[in-house]
């Protein structure tokens, strides 16, 4: 305990540990003769934008504990004056994109690729002192950009393509009933230039079973070889919806629900226990839930 106290008297604070980390970085910087940053990008140490942190403490001074206020005053941080505007205006989407893209270009120029861990923070700027630098969460930005690739403009796609960032995946792994008949199989789709396996070489703990393979192959031949299925979903969807609507009408069920080729019937009523006749004991001796196991009476059970 004493050793921890020697390293940092506030090693076990009652506030969030991230606040303590930013404070200790600020304290070390001030003790080394550095000046406090007043806005975004003005003071970045170990990936932490302390300029933003200091500005946030000044604007939220009343929400701090007295001990936190004392620690900040010891490093020269004072509460914001009445009516003082917040430091740093929000950047536009185009400005944020330009900053993130600059960080991606810097990383690509240095490493030769754009395979970035999600937690990576890229420091951009002139590198001369603390001024003019910015901490960009590059890994998280690239990950999020890949997820919303379909919403990117052609210009932004082209900017990322120039850095070798493939928006369309090279390999896709999935496990589905490719045939549509409920027989699952594992499937790995890849671009032809990446397919180095011979038939039977790509294996694993589960790939499926023969009915799944046969029906999937037939479904691909019938429905996906010429694009006719993609061109005709509206009529197919209407036919499915009409057939299910007729089934719902006959059995007193709610209207079918769905979209495209995926349609189904909702069952919003609890299952009923019904009696039915058996050859052994005559009518109305056993109970059954529709679609579930029968609850046999004592006579039929024997």
Protein backbone atom coordinates (compact mmCIF):
# COMPACT_ATOMS: atom_id res chain seq x y z
CA UNK A 1 0.00 0.00 0.00
CA UNK A 2 2.82 2.38 0.88
CA UNK A 3 4.54 1.65 -2.42
CA UNK A 4 1.36 2.58 -4.31
CA UNK A 5 0.98 5.73 -2.24
CA UNK A 6 4.57 6.69 -3.10
CA UNK A 7 3.80 6.35 -6.81
CA UNK A 8 0.51 8.23 -6.64
CA UNK A 9 -1.17 9.41 -3.42
CA UNK A 10 -4.47 9.27 -5.27
CA UNK A 11 -3.96 5.74 -6.61
CA UNK A 12 -7.43 4.63 -5.41
CA UNK A 13 -9.78 7.57 -6.06
CA UNK A 14 -13.53 7.50 -5.57
CA UNK A 15 -14.03 8.99 -9.07
CA UNK A 16 -13.51 7.35 -12.43
CA UNK A 17 -9.98 6.05 -13.04
CA UNK A 18 -9.90 7.64 -16.52
CA UNK A 19 -10.22 11.07 -14.85
CA UNK A 20 -7.26 10.23 -12.62
CA UNK A 21 -5.20 9.14 -15.64
CA UNK A 22 -5.84 12.41 -17.46
CA UNK A 23 -5.02 14.36 -14.32
CA UNK A 24 -1.71 12.54 -13.78
CA UNK A 25 -0.70 13.14 -17.41
CA UNK A 26 -1.56 16.82 -17.03
CA UNK A 27 0.37 17.03 -13.75
CA UNK A 28 3.48 15.43 -15.26
CA UNK A 29 3.29 17.78 -18.24
CA UNK A 30 3.01 20.87 -16.04
CA UNK A 31 5.85 19.75 -13.76
CA UNK A 32 8.04 19.34 -16.85
CA UNK A 33 7.41 23.00 -17.70
CA UNK A 34 4.72 22.47 -20.31
CA UNK A 35 1.75 24.74 -20.88
CA UNK A 36 -1.87 23.64 -20.65
CA UNK A 37 -3.82 23.23 -23.86
CA UNK A 38 -7.01 25.19 -24.26
CA UNK A 39 -8.72 23.35 -27.09
CA UNK A 40 -8.88 20.21 -29.20
CA UNK A 41 -5.54 19.00 -30.54
CA UNK A 42 -3.42 21.47 -28.59
CA UNK A 43 -2.05 19.00 -26.03
CA UNK A 44 -1.93 15.29 -26.80
CA UNK A 45 0.03 12.95 -24.54
CA UNK A 46 -0.04 9.15 -24.78
CA UNK A 47 -3.07 9.33 -27.05
CA UNK A 48 -5.09 11.48 -24.63
CA UNK A 49 -6.28 14.87 -25.88
CA UNK A 50 -5.67 16.79 -22.68
CA UNK A 51 -6.72 20.07 -24.27
CA UNK A 52 -10.25 18.68 -24.64
CA UNK A 53 -10.11 17.22 -21.14
CA UNK A 54 -9.02 20.48 -19.51
CA UNK A 55 -11.70 22.43 -21.36
CA UNK A 56 -14.33 19.94 -20.21
CA UNK A 57 -13.24 20.24 -16.56
CA UNK A 58 -13.42 24.02 -16.69
CA UNK A 59 -16.91 24.04 -18.22
CA UNK A 60 -18.21 21.35 -15.82
CA UNK A 61 -16.54 22.71 -12.69
CA UNK A 62 -19.71 22.64 -10.57
CA UNK A 63 -20.17 18.92 -11.16
CA UNK A 64 -16.72 18.05 -9.79
CA UNK A 65 -16.02 16.90 -6.26
CA UNK A 66 -14.14 19.37 -3.99
CA UNK A 67 -11.07 17.11 -4.05
CA UNK A 68 -11.08 17.13 -7.86
CA UNK A 69 -11.37 20.91 -7.92
CA UNK A 70 -8.38 21.15 -5.54
CA UNK A 71 -6.26 18.87 -7.75
CA UNK A 72 -7.09 20.88 -10.85
CA UNK A 73 -6.26 24.16 -9.14
CA UNK A 74 -2.87 22.69 -8.19
CA UNK A 75 -1.98 22.40 -11.88
CA UNK A 76 -3.36 25.78 -12.86
CA UNK A 77 -6.82 24.81 -14.09
CA UNK A 78 -9.53 27.24 -13.02
CA UNK A 79 -13.31 27.25 -13.56
CA UNK A 80 -14.63 28.93 -16.67
CA UNK A 81 -15.69 32.54 -16.29
CA UNK A 82 -19.39 33.36 -16.44
CA UNK A 83 -20.52 33.55 -20.06
CA UNK A 84 -17.28 32.09 -21.39
CA UNK A 85 -17.97 30.10 -24.57
CA UNK A 86 -16.91 26.47 -24.79
CA UNK A 87 -13.56 26.00 -26.49
CA UNK A 88 -13.65 24.53 -29.95
CA UNK A 89 -16.64 24.63 -32.28
CA UNK A 90 -18.16 21.35 -33.52
CA UNK A 91 -16.68 20.24 -36.80
CA UNK A 92 -18.80 19.49 -39.84
CA UNK A 93 -19.12 15.96 -41.20
CA UNK A 94 -16.87 16.84 -44.13
CA UNK A 95 -14.21 18.20 -41.76
CA UNK A 96 -14.35 15.05 -39.61
CA UNK A 97 -14.10 12.87 -42.72
CA UNK A 98 -11.10 14.86 -43.95
CA UNK A 99 -9.36 14.48 -40.58
CA UNK A 100 -9.99 10.74 -40.41
CA UNK A 101 -8.94 10.27 -44.03
CA UNK A 102 -5.70 12.16 -43.38
CA UNK A 103 -4.96 9.80 -40.50
CA UNK A 104 -5.68 6.80 -42.74
CA UNK A 105 -3.33 8.13 -45.42
CA UNK A 106 -0.61 8.73 -42.85
CA UNK A 107 -0.95 5.18 -41.49
CA UNK A 108 -0.96 3.70 -45.01
CA UNK A 109 2.13 5.66 -46.04
CA UNK A 110 3.99 4.45 -42.95
CA UNK A 111 2.84 0.81 -42.78
CA UNK A 112 2.00 0.06 -46.40
CA UNK A 113 -1.47 -1.29 -45.59
CA UNK A 114 -4.71 -0.33 -43.89
CA UNK A 115 -5.15 -3.28 -41.51
CA UNK A 116 -5.62 -1.29 -38.31
CA UNK A 117 -6.54 -2.70 -34.88
CA UNK A 118 -9.79 -1.25 -33.59
CA UNK A 119 -8.13 0.29 -30.52
CA UNK A 120 -5.40 2.06 -32.52
CA UNK A 121 -5.14 5.84 -32.12
CA UNK A 122 -3.26 7.70 -34.86
CA UNK A 123 -1.56 10.99 -33.96
CA UNK A 124 -1.65 13.41 -36.87
CA UNK A 125 0.02 16.81 -37.23
CA UNK A 126 3.42 18.33 -37.85
CA UNK A 127 5.04 16.42 -34.97
CA UNK A 128 6.87 19.58 -33.78
CA UNK A 129 5.81 19.95 -30.16
CA UNK A 130 2.25 19.58 -28.99
CA UNK A 131 0.60 22.16 -31.23
CA UNK A 132 -1.16 21.21 -34.41
CA UNK A 133 -1.61 17.56 -33.43
CA UNK A 134 -4.81 15.53 -33.22
CA UNK A 135 -5.59 12.09 -31.85
CA UNK A 136 -7.70 10.12 -34.33
CA UNK A 137 -9.34 6.84 -33.31
CA UNK A 138 -8.44 5.38 -36.67
CA UNK A 139 -9.22 1.74 -35.95
CA UNK A 140 -12.73 2.45 -34.73
CA UNK A 141 -13.38 4.82 -37.65
CA UNK A 142 -12.31 2.27 -40.26
CA UNK A 143 -14.38 -0.45 -38.61
CA UNK A 144 -17.47 1.77 -38.55
CA UNK A 145 -16.85 2.89 -42.13
CA UNK A 146 -16.81 -0.70 -43.34
CA UNK A 147 -20.11 -1.34 -41.59
CA UNK A 148 -21.86 1.56 -43.32
CA UNK A 149 -20.12 1.11 -46.67
CA UNK A 150 -23.42 0.99 -48.54
CA UNK A 151 -24.19 4.59 -47.47
CA UNK A 152 -20.89 6.09 -48.61
CA UNK A 153 -20.82 8.45 -51.57
CA UNK A 154 -18.91 7.36 -54.71
CA UNK A 155 -16.26 9.99 -53.99
CA UNK A 156 -15.58 8.69 -50.50
CA UNK A 157 -15.49 5.11 -51.78
CA UNK A 158 -12.90 6.16 -54.35
CA UNK A 159 -10.79 7.85 -51.66
CA UNK A 160 -10.71 4.65 -49.62
CA UNK A 161 -10.13 2.46 -52.68
CA UNK A 162 -7.02 4.53 -53.43
CA UNK A 163 -5.63 3.35 -50.08
CA UNK A 164 -6.40 -0.28 -50.85
CA UNK A 165 -9.36 -0.51 -48.46
CA UNK A 166 -11.75 -3.09 -49.88
CA UNK A 167 -15.34 -2.15 -49.04
CA UNK A 168 -16.66 -5.35 -50.66
CA UNK A 169 -15.38 -8.33 -48.62
CA UNK A 170 -13.05 -10.90 -50.18
CA UNK A 171 -14.34 -13.81 -48.08
CA UNK A 172 -17.74 -14.32 -46.44
CA UNK A 173 -18.44 -17.16 -43.98
CA UNK A 174 -22.01 -18.18 -43.28
CA UNK A 175 -24.10 -21.12 -42.12
CA UNK A 176 -27.53 -21.23 -43.72
CA UNK A 177 -30.09 -23.48 -45.30
CA UNK A 178 -28.99 -22.55 -48.79
CA UNK A 179 -31.65 -24.77 -50.35
CA UNK A 180 -34.45 -23.07 -48.40
CA UNK A 181 -35.72 -26.40 -47.04
CA UNK A 182 -34.30 -26.14 -43.52
CA UNK A 183 -31.24 -28.31 -44.14
CA UNK A 184 -28.28 -26.27 -42.83
CA UNK A 185 -24.78 -26.27 -44.21
CA UNK A 186 -21.65 -24.17 -43.74
CA UNK A 187 -20.60 -22.12 -46.72
CA UNK A 188 -17.51 -20.01 -47.45
CA UNK A 189 -17.82 -17.63 -50.38
CA UNK A 190 -14.67 -16.04 -51.75
CA UNK A 191 -13.37 -14.26 -54.78
CA UNK A 192 -11.95 -16.61 -57.43
CA UNK A 193 -8.48 -15.07 -57.20
CA UNK A 194 -8.31 -16.07 -53.51
CA UNK A 195 -9.58 -19.62 -53.97
CA UNK A 196 -6.45 -21.77 -53.54
CA UNK A 197 -8.25 -24.93 -52.40
CA UNK A 198 -9.00 -27.99 -54.46
CA UNK A 199 -12.36 -29.80 -54.10
CA UNK A 200 -12.59 -31.36 -50.65
CA UNK A 201 -9.58 -29.53 -49.16
CA UNK A 202 -11.53 -26.80 -47.38
CA UNK A 203 -12.86 -28.68 -44.36
CA UNK A 204 -13.85 -28.19 -40.73
CA UNK A 205 -15.71 -29.62 -37.77
CA UNK A 206 -19.10 -29.10 -39.43
CA UNK A 207 -19.92 -28.57 -43.07
CA UNK A 208 -23.34 -30.21 -43.38
CA UNK A 209 -24.74 -33.49 -44.61
CA UNK A 210 -25.62 -34.94 -47.99
CA UNK A 211 -29.28 -33.78 -48.25
CA UNK A 212 -28.15 -30.22 -47.48
CA UNK A 213 -25.46 -30.35 -50.18
CA UNK A 214 -27.71 -31.90 -52.84
CA UNK A 215 -30.65 -29.55 -52.29
CA UNK A 216 -28.40 -26.50 -52.06
CA UNK A 217 -26.69 -27.35 -55.34
CA UNK A 218 -30.05 -27.83 -57.02
CA UNK A 219 -31.39 -24.56 -55.62
CA UNK A 220 -28.36 -22.68 -56.97
CA UNK A 221 -28.87 -24.27 -60.40
CA UNK A 222 -32.60 -23.51 -60.54
CA UNK A 223 -32.84 -20.08 -58.94
CA UNK A 224 -29.45 -18.35 -58.96
CA UNK A 225 -27.78 -19.35 -62.22
CA UNK A 226 -29.49 -16.77 -64.46
CA UNK A 227 -30.69 -14.01 -62.13
CA UNK A 228 -34.37 -14.78 -62.69
CA UNK A 229 -35.11 -15.01 -58.97
CA UNK A 230 -33.66 -11.57 -58.30
CA UNK A 231 -35.67 -10.12 -61.18
CA UNK A 232 -38.97 -11.64 -60.09
CA UNK A 233 -39.43 -11.26 -56.32
CA UNK A 234 -42.41 -8.88 -56.55
CA UNK A 235 -44.65 -11.46 -58.23
CA UNK A 236 -43.31 -14.31 -56.09
CA UNK A 237 -43.82 -12.29 -52.94
CA UNK A 238 -47.38 -11.46 -53.95
CA UNK A 239 -48.14 -15.11 -54.56
CA UNK A 240 -46.75 -16.12 -51.16
CA UNK A 241 -48.67 -13.37 -49.39
CA UNK A 242 -51.91 -14.32 -51.15
CA UNK A 243 -51.53 -18.01 -50.28
CA UNK A 244 -50.84 -17.28 -46.63
CA UNK A 245 -53.71 -14.80 -46.49
CA UNK A 246 -56.08 -17.54 -47.68
CA UNK A 247 -54.70 -19.93 -45.03
CA UNK A 248 -55.20 -17.28 -42.35
CA UNK A 249 -58.77 -16.67 -43.52
CA UNK A 250 -59.67 -20.38 -43.38
CA UNK A 251 -58.30 -20.86 -39.87
CA UNK A 252 -59.19 -17.51 -38.33
CA UNK A 253 -55.59 -16.35 -37.92
CA UNK A 254 -54.18 -12.80 -38.10
CA UNK A 255 -53.04 -11.48 -41.45
CA UNK A 256 -49.65 -12.71 -42.71
CA UNK A 257 -46.57 -10.57 -42.20
CA UNK A 258 -43.38 -10.33 -44.19
CA UNK A 259 -41.30 -8.61 -46.82
CA UNK A 260 -39.85 -9.79 -50.10
CA UNK A 261 -39.78 -13.58 -50.12
CA UNK A 262 -39.83 -13.94 -46.31
CA UNK A 263 -43.46 -14.34 -45.16
CA UNK A 264 -45.12 -16.06 -42.23
CA UNK A 265 -48.25 -16.36 -40.13
CA UNK A 266 -48.38 -14.90 -36.61
CA UNK A 267 -49.85 -17.08 -33.87
CA UNK A 268 -50.82 -14.64 -31.14
CA UNK A 269 -53.28 -16.93 -29.33
CA UNK A 270 -52.22 -19.50 -26.69
CA UNK A 271 -52.45 -23.17 -27.63
CA UNK A 272 -55.71 -24.86 -26.67
CA UNK A 273 -56.20 -28.26 -25.09
CA UNK A 274 -58.63 -30.28 -27.23
CA UNK A 275 -60.15 -33.72 -26.75
CA UNK A 276 -60.18 -36.23 -29.56
CA UNK A 277 -61.30 -39.81 -30.08
CA UNK A 278 -59.07 -42.90 -29.99
CA UNK A 279 -59.85 -46.34 -31.39
CA UNK A 280 -59.43 -47.98 -27.99
CA UNK A 281 -61.67 -46.01 -25.66
CA UNK A 282 -63.98 -44.01 -27.87
CA UNK A 283 -64.40 -40.25 -28.19
CA UNK A 284 -63.07 -37.50 -25.99
CA UNK A 285 -60.73 -39.42 -23.72
CA UNK A 286 -57.29 -37.93 -24.44
CA UNK A 287 -55.94 -34.40 -24.47
CA UNK A 288 -53.69 -32.89 -27.06
CA UNK A 289 -52.15 -29.50 -27.72
CA UNK A 290 -52.20 -28.75 -31.43
CA UNK A 291 -48.75 -29.46 -32.84
CA UNK A 292 -47.42 -30.83 -29.53
CA UNK A 293 -47.23 -34.20 -27.79
CA UNK A 294 -50.44 -35.96 -26.74
CA UNK A 295 -51.39 -36.20 -23.09
CA UNK A 296 -52.68 -39.77 -23.02
CA UNK A 297 -55.32 -40.88 -20.58
CA UNK A 298 -54.65 -43.83 -18.26
CA UNK A 299 -56.55 -46.28 -20.47
CA UNK A 300 -54.74 -45.37 -23.68
CA UNK A 301 -51.39 -45.24 -21.93
CA UNK A 302 -51.77 -48.91 -20.95
